[in-house]
């Protein structure tokens, strides 16, 4: 089964298991250290994740808010590097049967070489790739090497993406379309505008044939359920989980409890 097929099967399985939307937690590889991040990722898989977004720490992120940026900085200071994140964190999660979609900025990809990087993803059992700072015009080469290996290159769209450009991006999306729910960087937000979110999701869905996954600003079970009710096929939660991993004497237990709570919220949204 290819990575694209594993992602499609995960969305189908989530619906078959009574969720309106697939639950997609984010994990910063190497934070607070490689071994703990591996254990957190395995806990994600066992606590209800349908897919897992695995972040590669990078020194100059453009899309990440303060919580994830700080985690990346700490991971880099602790010595986490791309090969370690893939082999010591990504591969064990993939072996649990949960699709892993790697989130990596463009600089490490081009520095390593496109084919070499894609081969490393394939070797680690990854199913897809998200490159937040890769514009549509510069995506064809990476998309080609991913397509050749059955890996999904997942693009991002924002509320401010013009309709014509959204349709271009959506037509070339693989796996799912990462739909940013609001303007700004990642991070927790209070409240939320479900009516506004429904419009964002509807517009994204009209521009693509793959599932629409919503991220940025979602941190509670209520917000996750609201995103599902707004029509999202998948819900991505990042900063809240990274913050849970940063504190306390048992970060694995802390994130496990939170994942179960968020997953339960999505299950309730399917019948609510």
C-alpha atoms as a PDB file:
ATOM      1  CA  UNK A   1       0.000   0.000   0.000  1.00  0.00           C
ATOM      2  CA  UNK A   2       1.371   3.432  -0.916  1.00  0.00           C
ATOM      3  CA  UNK A   3       1.444   6.407   1.395  1.00  0.00           C
ATOM      4  CA  UNK A   4      -1.375   8.046  -0.549  1.00  0.00           C
ATOM      5  CA  UNK A   5      -3.459   4.905  -0.125  1.00  0.00           C
ATOM      6  CA  UNK A   6      -2.702   4.701   3.615  1.00  0.00           C
ATOM      7  CA  UNK A   7      -3.887   8.280   4.091  1.00  0.00           C
ATOM      8  CA  UNK A   8      -7.098   7.626   2.160  1.00  0.00           C
ATOM      9  CA  UNK A   9      -7.720   4.479   4.199  1.00  0.00           C
ATOM     10  CA  UNK A  10      -7.217   6.433   7.448  1.00  0.00           C
ATOM     11  CA  UNK A  11      -9.929   8.940   6.533  1.00  0.00           C
ATOM     12  CA  UNK A  12     -12.276   6.119   5.569  1.00  0.00           C
ATOM     13  CA  UNK A  13     -11.515   4.242   8.795  1.00  0.00           C
ATOM     14  CA  UNK A  14     -12.240   7.325  10.916  1.00  0.00           C
ATOM     15  CA  UNK A  15     -15.678   7.635   9.360  1.00  0.00           C
ATOM     16  CA  UNK A  16     -16.308   3.900   9.722  1.00  0.00           C
ATOM     17  CA  UNK A  17     -15.409   4.163  13.416  1.00  0.00           C
ATOM     18  CA  UNK A  18     -18.048   6.823  14.048  1.00  0.00           C
ATOM     19  CA  UNK A  19     -16.054  10.038  13.719  1.00  0.00           C
ATOM     20  CA  UNK A  20     -17.203  12.848  11.512  1.00  0.00           C
ATOM     21  CA  UNK A  21     -13.575  13.891  11.065  1.00  0.00           C
ATOM     22  CA  UNK A  22     -10.214  12.153  11.328  1.00  0.00           C
ATOM     23  CA  UNK A  23      -8.114  13.220  14.310  1.00  0.00           C
ATOM     24  CA  UNK A  24      -4.635  14.378  13.311  1.00  0.00           C
ATOM     25  CA  UNK A  25      -2.359  15.393  16.211  1.00  0.00           C
ATOM     26  CA  UNK A  26       0.937  17.182  15.581  1.00  0.00           C
ATOM     27  CA  UNK A  27       4.191  15.998  17.158  1.00  0.00           C
ATOM     28  CA  UNK A  28       7.458  17.924  17.235  1.00  0.00           C
ATOM     29  CA  UNK A  29      10.141  15.326  16.557  1.00  0.00           C
ATOM     30  CA  UNK A  30      12.921  15.423  19.139  1.00  0.00           C
ATOM     31  CA  UNK A  31      10.971  17.388  21.746  1.00  0.00           C
ATOM     32  CA  UNK A  32      11.571  17.343  24.616  1.00  0.00           C
ATOM     33  CA  UNK A  33      14.085  14.713  23.458  1.00  0.00           C
ATOM     34  CA  UNK A  34      14.107  11.989  20.829  1.00  0.00           C
ATOM     35  CA  UNK A  35      13.162   9.125  23.127  1.00  0.00           C
ATOM     36  CA  UNK A  36      10.303  11.008  24.782  1.00  0.00           C
ATOM     37  CA  UNK A  37       8.979  12.221  21.440  1.00  0.00           C
ATOM     38  CA  UNK A  38       9.004   8.623  20.204  1.00  0.00           C
ATOM     39  CA  UNK A  39       7.001   7.556  23.252  1.00  0.00           C
ATOM     40  CA  UNK A  40       4.598  10.476  22.769  1.00  0.00           C
ATOM     41  CA  UNK A  41       4.079   9.526  19.131  1.00  0.00           C
ATOM     42  CA  UNK A  42       3.315   5.924  20.063  1.00  0.00           C
ATOM     43  CA  UNK A  43       0.892   7.187  22.708  1.00  0.00           C
ATOM     44  CA  UNK A  44      -0.811   9.315  20.049  1.00  0.00           C
ATOM     45  CA  UNK A  45      -1.282   6.202  17.938  1.00  0.00           C
ATOM     46  CA  UNK A  46      -2.668   4.160  20.817  1.00  0.00           C
ATOM     47  CA  UNK A  47      -4.886   6.926  22.206  1.00  0.00           C
ATOM     48  CA  UNK A  48      -6.919   7.554  19.083  1.00  0.00           C
ATOM     49  CA  UNK A  49      -4.915   9.347  16.364  1.00  0.00           C
ATOM     50  CA  UNK A  50      -6.018   8.534  12.824  1.00  0.00           C
ATOM     51  CA  UNK A  51      -2.993  10.208  11.239  1.00  0.00           C
ATOM     52  CA  UNK A  52       0.018  11.912  12.826  1.00  0.00           C
ATOM     53  CA  UNK A  53       1.772  15.035  11.592  1.00  0.00           C
ATOM     54  CA  UNK A  54       5.458  14.745  12.495  1.00  0.00           C
ATOM     55  CA  UNK A  55       7.317  18.041  12.621  1.00  0.00           C
ATOM     56  CA  UNK A  56      11.014  18.281  11.747  1.00  0.00           C
ATOM     57  CA  UNK A  57      12.629  20.959  13.952  1.00  0.00           C
ATOM     58  CA  UNK A  58      13.829  23.977  11.990  1.00  0.00           C
ATOM     59  CA  UNK A  59      15.526  27.144  13.192  1.00  0.00           C
ATOM     60  CA  UNK A  60      13.534  29.698  11.162  1.00  0.00           C
ATOM     61  CA  UNK A  61       9.921  28.546  10.781  1.00  0.00           C
ATOM     62  CA  UNK A  62       7.457  30.828   9.027  1.00  0.00           C
ATOM     63  CA  UNK A  63       4.129  29.258   9.994  1.00  0.00           C
ATOM     64  CA  UNK A  64       4.773  28.181  13.576  1.00  0.00           C
ATOM     65  CA  UNK A  65       3.665  30.179  16.586  1.00  0.00           C
ATOM     66  CA  UNK A  66       5.683  30.597  19.796  1.00  0.00           C
ATOM     67  CA  UNK A  67       4.894  27.220  21.363  1.00  0.00           C
ATOM     68  CA  UNK A  68       5.953  25.104  18.397  1.00  0.00           C
ATOM     69  CA  UNK A  69       8.847  27.434  17.564  1.00  0.00           C
ATOM     70  CA  UNK A  70      10.186  27.075  21.115  1.00  0.00           C
ATOM     71  CA  UNK A  71       9.843  23.290  20.909  1.00  0.00           C
ATOM     72  CA  UNK A  72      11.785  23.230  17.640  1.00  0.00           C
ATOM     73  CA  UNK A  73      14.535  25.362  19.150  1.00  0.00           C
ATOM     74  CA  UNK A  74      14.767  23.064  22.175  1.00  0.00           C
ATOM     75  CA  UNK A  75      14.868  19.966  19.955  1.00  0.00           C
ATOM     76  CA  UNK A  76      17.680  21.404  17.854  1.00  0.00           C
ATOM     77  CA  UNK A  77      19.655  22.364  20.956  1.00  0.00           C
ATOM     78  CA  UNK A  78      19.223  18.807  22.222  1.00  0.00           C
ATOM     79  CA  UNK A  79      20.761  17.523  18.985  1.00  0.00           C
ATOM     80  CA  UNK A  80      17.679  16.332  17.058  1.00  0.00           C
ATOM     81  CA  UNK A  81      18.348  16.085  13.334  1.00  0.00           C
ATOM     82  CA  UNK A  82      16.278  15.030  10.348  1.00  0.00           C
ATOM     83  CA  UNK A  83      17.631  11.449  10.051  1.00  0.00           C
ATOM     84  CA  UNK A  84      17.051  10.866  13.779  1.00  0.00           C
ATOM     85  CA  UNK A  85      13.510  12.243  13.679  1.00  0.00           C
ATOM     86  CA  UNK A  86      12.617   9.999  10.756  1.00  0.00           C
ATOM     87  CA  UNK A  87      14.238   6.803  11.985  1.00  0.00           C
ATOM     88  CA  UNK A  88      13.789   7.070  15.749  1.00  0.00           C
ATOM     89  CA  UNK A  89      10.370   8.744  15.855  1.00  0.00           C
ATOM     90  CA  UNK A  90       8.669   8.410  12.477  1.00  0.00           C
ATOM     91  CA  UNK A  91       9.412   4.776  11.740  1.00  0.00           C
ATOM     92  CA  UNK A  92       8.162   3.369  15.093  1.00  0.00           C
ATOM     93  CA  UNK A  93       4.900   5.320  14.717  1.00  0.00           C
ATOM     94  CA  UNK A  94       4.404   4.089  11.160  1.00  0.00           C
ATOM     95  CA  UNK A  95       5.001   0.544  12.354  1.00  0.00           C
ATOM     96  CA  UNK A  96       2.009   1.012  14.676  1.00  0.00           C
ATOM     97  CA  UNK A  97      -0.128   1.325  11.563  1.00  0.00           C
ATOM     98  CA  UNK A  98      -0.906   5.051  11.777  1.00  0.00           C
ATOM     99  CA  UNK A  99       0.023   7.106   8.688  1.00  0.00           C
ATOM    100  CA  UNK A 100       2.791   9.626   9.344  1.00  0.00           C
ATOM    101  CA  UNK A 101       2.812  12.881   7.391  1.00  0.00           C
ATOM    102  CA  UNK A 102       6.120  14.720   7.830  1.00  0.00           C
ATOM    103  CA  UNK A 103       6.026  18.510   8.167  1.00  0.00           C
ATOM    104  CA  UNK A 104       9.349  19.969   7.036  1.00  0.00           C
ATOM    105  CA  UNK A 105      10.410  23.378   5.780  1.00  0.00           C
ATOM    106  CA  UNK A 106      11.923  23.641   2.314  1.00  0.00           C
ATOM    107  CA  UNK A 107      15.513  24.422   3.284  1.00  0.00           C
ATOM    108  CA  UNK A 108      16.384  20.987   4.763  1.00  0.00           C
ATOM    109  CA  UNK A 109      14.684  19.279   1.808  1.00  0.00           C
ATOM    110  CA  UNK A 110      16.644  21.115  -0.864  1.00  0.00           C
ATOM    111  CA  UNK A 111      19.859  20.930   1.158  1.00  0.00           C
ATOM    112  CA  UNK A 112      19.560  17.159   1.337  1.00  0.00           C
ATOM    113  CA  UNK A 113      18.413  16.756  -2.279  1.00  0.00           C
ATOM    114  CA  UNK A 114      14.873  15.994  -3.391  1.00  0.00           C
ATOM    115  CA  UNK A 115      15.293  12.336  -4.259  1.00  0.00           C
ATOM    116  CA  UNK A 116      17.466  11.584  -1.257  1.00  0.00           C
ATOM    117  CA  UNK A 117      14.951  13.282   1.029  1.00  0.00           C
ATOM    118  CA  UNK A 118      11.982  11.450  -0.498  1.00  0.00           C
ATOM    119  CA  UNK A 119      13.844   8.147  -0.216  1.00  0.00           C
ATOM    120  CA  UNK A 120      14.452   8.874   3.473  1.00  0.00           C
ATOM    121  CA  UNK A 121      10.718   9.466   3.971  1.00  0.00           C
ATOM    122  CA  UNK A 122       9.941   6.224   2.189  1.00  0.00           C
ATOM    123  CA  UNK A 123      12.523   4.345   4.245  1.00  0.00           C
ATOM    124  CA  UNK A 124      10.966   5.625   7.463  1.00  0.00           C
ATOM    125  CA  UNK A 125       7.506   4.453   6.408  1.00  0.00           C
ATOM    126  CA  UNK A 126       6.118   7.976   6.027  1.00  0.00           C
ATOM    127  CA  UNK A 127       2.954   8.435   4.007  1.00  0.00           C
ATOM    128  CA  UNK A 128       3.197  12.086   3.045  1.00  0.00           C
ATOM    129  CA  UNK A 129       4.916  15.446   3.271  1.00  0.00           C
ATOM    130  CA  UNK A 130       3.829  18.983   4.168  1.00  0.00           C
ATOM    131  CA  UNK A 131       6.127  21.888   3.217  1.00  0.00           C
ATOM    132  CA  UNK A 132       4.636  25.105   4.660  1.00  0.00           C
ATOM    133  CA  UNK A 133       6.957  27.474   2.781  1.00  0.00           C
ATOM    134  CA  UNK A 134       6.685  25.785  -0.626  1.00  0.00           C
ATOM    135  CA  UNK A 135       4.657  27.959  -3.038  1.00  0.00           C
ATOM    136  CA  UNK A 136       2.609  26.420  -5.813  1.00  0.00           C
ATOM    137  CA  UNK A 137       5.050  27.537  -8.496  1.00  0.00           C
ATOM    138  CA  UNK A 138       7.980  25.730  -6.854  1.00  0.00           C
ATOM    139  CA  UNK A 139       6.144  22.514  -6.015  1.00  0.00           C
ATOM    140  CA  UNK A 140       6.313  20.477  -9.279  1.00  0.00           C
ATOM    141  CA  UNK A 141       9.768  18.970  -8.709  1.00  0.00           C
ATOM    142  CA  UNK A 142       8.989  17.850  -5.158  1.00  0.00           C
ATOM    143  CA  UNK A 143       5.558  16.606  -6.212  1.00  0.00           C
ATOM    144  CA  UNK A 144       7.126  14.497  -8.948  1.00  0.00           C
ATOM    145  CA  UNK A 145       9.581  12.720  -6.641  1.00  0.00           C
ATOM    146  CA  UNK A 146       6.767  12.157  -4.132  1.00  0.00           C
ATOM    147  CA  UNK A 147       4.403  10.842  -6.816  1.00  0.00           C
ATOM    148  CA  UNK A 148       7.073   8.430  -8.015  1.00  0.00           C
ATOM    149  CA  UNK A 149       7.234   6.961  -4.506  1.00  0.00           C
ATOM    150  CA  UNK A 150       3.534   6.996  -3.685  1.00  0.00           C
ATOM    151  CA  UNK A 151       4.007   9.776  -1.109  1.00  0.00           C
ATOM    152  CA  UNK A 152       1.360  12.478  -0.703  1.00  0.00           C
ATOM    153  CA  UNK A 153       2.558  16.056  -1.098  1.00  0.00           C
ATOM    154  CA  UNK A 154      -0.003  17.941   0.994  1.00  0.00           C
ATOM    155  CA  UNK A 155      -0.391  21.659   0.158  1.00  0.00           C
ATOM    156  CA  UNK A 156      -1.787  24.406   2.354  1.00  0.00           C
ATOM    157  CA  UNK A 157      -4.467  26.997   1.651  1.00  0.00           C
ATOM    158  CA  UNK A 158      -5.551  29.924   3.802  1.00  0.00           C
ATOM    159  CA  UNK A 159      -8.712  31.992   4.203  1.00  0.00           C
ATOM    160  CA  UNK A 160      -6.962  34.665   2.141  1.00  0.00           C
ATOM    161  CA  UNK A 161      -6.056  32.351  -0.776  1.00  0.00           C
ATOM    162  CA  UNK A 162      -7.839  33.693  -3.899  1.00  0.00           C
ATOM    163  CA  UNK A 163     -10.419  31.363  -5.415  1.00  0.00           C
ATOM    164  CA  UNK A 164      -8.523  30.792  -8.661  1.00  0.00           C
ATOM    165  CA  UNK A 165      -5.300  29.980  -6.839  1.00  0.00           C
ATOM    166  CA  UNK A 166      -7.120  27.743  -4.362  1.00  0.00           C
ATOM    167  CA  UNK A 167      -8.530  25.741  -7.286  1.00  0.00           C
ATOM    168  CA  UNK A 168      -5.020  25.369  -8.743  1.00  0.00           C
ATOM    169  CA  UNK A 169      -3.613  24.189  -5.413  1.00  0.00           C
ATOM    170  CA  UNK A 170      -6.567  21.925  -4.699  1.00  0.00           C
ATOM    171  CA  UNK A 171      -6.319  20.238  -8.088  1.00  0.00           C
ATOM    172  CA  UNK A 172      -2.737  19.207  -7.325  1.00  0.00           C
ATOM    173  CA  UNK A 173      -3.276  18.168  -3.699  1.00  0.00           C
ATOM    174  CA  UNK A 174      -2.407  14.642  -2.668  1.00  0.00           C
ATOM    175  CA  UNK A 175      -3.694  12.910   0.481  1.00  0.00           C
ATOM    176  CA  UNK A 176      -5.606  15.888   1.845  1.00  0.00           C
ATOM    177  CA  UNK A 177      -5.761  19.650   1.594  1.00  0.00           C
ATOM    178  CA  UNK A 178      -4.373  21.362   4.704  1.00  0.00           C
ATOM    179  CA  UNK A 179      -6.782  24.220   5.281  1.00  0.00           C
ATOM    180  CA  UNK A 180      -5.597  26.958   7.629  1.00  0.00           C
ATOM    181  CA  UNK A 181      -8.597  28.077   9.647  1.00  0.00           C
ATOM    182  CA  UNK A 182      -7.430  31.639  10.305  1.00  0.00           C
ATOM    183  CA  UNK A 183      -4.795  34.175   9.409  1.00  0.00           C
ATOM    184  CA  UNK A 184      -1.578  34.177  11.418  1.00  0.00           C
ATOM    185  CA  UNK A 185       0.678  31.459  12.800  1.00  0.00           C
ATOM    186  CA  UNK A 186      -0.092  28.271  14.678  1.00  0.00           C
ATOM    187  CA  UNK A 187      -1.263  28.585  18.256  1.00  0.00           C
ATOM    188  CA  UNK A 188      -4.151  28.215  20.636  1.00  0.00           C
ATOM    189  CA  UNK A 189      -7.105  30.571  20.273  1.00  0.00           C
ATOM    190  CA  UNK A 190     -10.041  31.195  22.562  1.00  0.00           C
ATOM    191  CA  UNK A 191     -13.545  30.946  21.228  1.00  0.00           C
ATOM    192  CA  UNK A 192     -13.872  30.549  17.483  1.00  0.00           C
ATOM    193  CA  UNK A 193     -16.203  31.497  14.664  1.00  0.00           C
ATOM    194  CA  UNK A 194     -17.935  28.346  13.484  1.00  0.00           C
ATOM    195  CA  UNK A 195     -19.897  30.210  10.815  1.00  0.00           C
ATOM    196  CA  UNK A 196     -16.702  31.663   9.415  1.00  0.00           C
ATOM    197  CA  UNK A 197     -14.981  28.301   9.585  1.00  0.00           C
ATOM    198  CA  UNK A 198     -17.799  26.615   7.696  1.00  0.00           C
ATOM    199  CA  UNK A 199     -17.298  29.082   4.862  1.00  0.00           C
ATOM    200  CA  UNK A 200     -13.537  28.440   4.822  1.00  0.00           C
ATOM    201  CA  UNK A 201     -14.052  24.664   4.736  1.00  0.00           C
ATOM    202  CA  UNK A 202     -16.765  24.855   2.098  1.00  0.00           C
ATOM    203  CA  UNK A 203     -14.593  26.974  -0.174  1.00  0.00           C
ATOM    204  CA  UNK A 204     -11.647  24.586   0.231  1.00  0.00           C
ATOM    205  CA  UNK A 205     -13.798  21.526  -0.428  1.00  0.00           C
ATOM    206  CA  UNK A 206     -15.161  23.097  -3.607  1.00  0.00           C
ATOM    207  CA  UNK A 207     -11.612  23.430  -4.927  1.00  0.00           C
ATOM    208  CA  UNK A 208     -10.340  19.905  -4.418  1.00  0.00           C
ATOM    209  CA  UNK A 209     -11.276  16.231  -4.655  1.00  0.00           C
ATOM    210  CA  UNK A 210      -9.254  15.128  -1.599  1.00  0.00           C
ATOM    211  CA  UNK A 211     -10.328  15.416   2.065  1.00  0.00           C
ATOM    212  CA  UNK A 212     -10.103  18.816   3.734  1.00  0.00           C
ATOM    213  CA  UNK A 213      -8.206  18.907   7.035  1.00  0.00           C
ATOM    214  CA  UNK A 214      -8.406  22.002   9.217  1.00  0.00           C
ATOM    215  CA  UNK A 215      -5.552  23.229  11.398  1.00  0.00           C
ATOM    216  CA  UNK A 216      -4.283  26.309  13.296  1.00  0.00           C
ATOM    217  CA  UNK A 217      -6.099  27.601  16.360  1.00  0.00           C
ATOM    218  CA  UNK A 218      -7.760  24.325  17.407  1.00  0.00           C
ATOM    219  CA  UNK A 219      -6.900  23.279  20.944  1.00  0.00           C
ATOM    220  CA  UNK A 220     -10.023  21.964  22.703  1.00  0.00           C
ATOM    221  CA  UNK A 221     -12.473  19.130  22.162  1.00  0.00           C
ATOM    222  CA  UNK A 222     -15.198  21.740  21.620  1.00  0.00           C
ATOM    223  CA  UNK A 223     -13.203  23.503  18.898  1.00  0.00           C
ATOM    224  CA  UNK A 224     -12.349  20.167  17.264  1.00  0.00           C
ATOM    225  CA  UNK A 225     -16.020  19.198  17.266  1.00  0.00           C
ATOM    226  CA  UNK A 226     -16.923  22.604  15.820  1.00  0.00           C
ATOM    227  CA  UNK A 227     -14.445  22.095  12.977  1.00  0.00           C
ATOM    228  CA  UNK A 228     -15.992  18.700  12.230  1.00  0.00           C
ATOM    229  CA  UNK A 229     -19.474  20.214  12.364  1.00  0.00           C
ATOM    230  CA  UNK A 230     -18.278  22.884   9.921  1.00  0.00           C
ATOM    231  CA  UNK A 231     -17.561  20.110   7.420  1.00  0.00           C
ATOM    232  CA  UNK A 232     -13.879  19.323   7.947  1.00  0.00           C
ATOM    233  CA  UNK A 233     -12.816  15.790   7.032  1.00  0.00           C
ATOM    234  CA  UNK A 234      -9.841  16.030   9.376  1.00  0.00           C
ATOM    235  CA  UNK A 235      -8.891  18.113  12.421  1.00  0.00           C
ATOM    236  CA  UNK A 236      -5.274  18.978  13.239  1.00  0.00           C
ATOM    237  CA  UNK A 237      -4.223  19.949  16.777  1.00  0.00           C
ATOM    238  CA  UNK A 238      -0.673  21.104  17.435  1.00  0.00           C
ATOM    239  CA  UNK A 239       0.286  23.783  19.943  1.00  0.00           C
ATOM    240  CA  UNK A 240      -1.915  22.476  22.753  1.00  0.00           C
ATOM    241  CA  UNK A 241      -0.313  19.034  22.541  1.00  0.00           C
ATOM    242  CA  UNK A 242       3.208  20.437  22.276  1.00  0.00           C
ATOM    243  CA  UNK A 243       2.541  22.561  25.350  1.00  0.00           C
ATOM    244  CA  UNK A 244       1.356  19.458  27.220  1.00  0.00           C
ATOM    245  CA  UNK A 245       4.583  17.684  26.243  1.00  0.00           C
ATOM    246  CA  UNK A 246       6.614  20.559  27.670  1.00  0.00           C
ATOM    247  CA  UNK A 247       5.346  20.440  31.226  1.00  0.00           C
ATOM    248  CA  UNK A 248       4.867  18.043  34.065  1.00  0.00           C
ATOM    249  CA  UNK A 249       6.724  14.986  35.250  1.00  0.00           C
ATOM    250  CA  UNK A 250       5.015  12.619  32.805  1.00  0.00           C
ATOM    251  CA  UNK A 251       4.506  14.269  29.404  1.00  0.00           C
ATOM    252  CA  UNK A 252       3.499  10.976  27.777  1.00  0.00           C
ATOM    253  CA  UNK A 253       0.588  10.512  30.155  1.00  0.00           C
ATOM    254  CA  UNK A 254      -0.384  14.174  29.809  1.00  0.00           C
ATOM    255  CA  UNK A 255      -0.587  14.109  26.030  1.00  0.00           C
ATOM    256  CA  UNK A 256      -2.273  10.715  26.070  1.00  0.00           C
ATOM    257  CA  UNK A 257      -5.097  12.045  28.219  1.00  0.00           C
ATOM    258  CA  UNK A 258      -5.460  15.075  25.979  1.00  0.00           C
ATOM    259  CA  UNK A 259      -5.518  12.986  22.788  1.00  0.00           C
ATOM    260  CA  UNK A 260      -8.252  10.796  24.237  1.00  0.00           C
ATOM    261  CA  UNK A 261     -10.264  13.882  25.169  1.00  0.00           C
ATOM    262  CA  UNK A 262      -9.911  15.414  21.707  1.00  0.00           C
ATOM    263  CA  UNK A 263     -10.691  12.139  19.951  1.00  0.00           C
ATOM    264  CA  UNK A 264     -13.770  11.691  22.113  1.00  0.00           C
ATOM    265  CA  UNK A 265     -14.944  15.158  21.139  1.00  0.00           C
ATOM    266  CA  UNK A 266     -14.801  14.197  17.489  1.00  0.00           C
ATOM    267  CA  UNK A 267     -16.655  10.963  18.159  1.00  0.00           C
ATOM    268  CA  UNK A 268     -19.393  12.897  19.927  1.00  0.00           C
ATOM    269  CA  UNK A 269     -19.597  15.344  17.013  1.00  0.00           C
ATOM    270  CA  UNK A 270     -20.521  12.481  14.716  1.00  0.00           C
ATOM    271  CA  UNK A 271     -23.768  11.917  16.565  1.00  0.00           C
ATOM    272  CA  UNK A 272     -24.365  15.378  17.946  1.00  0.00           C
END
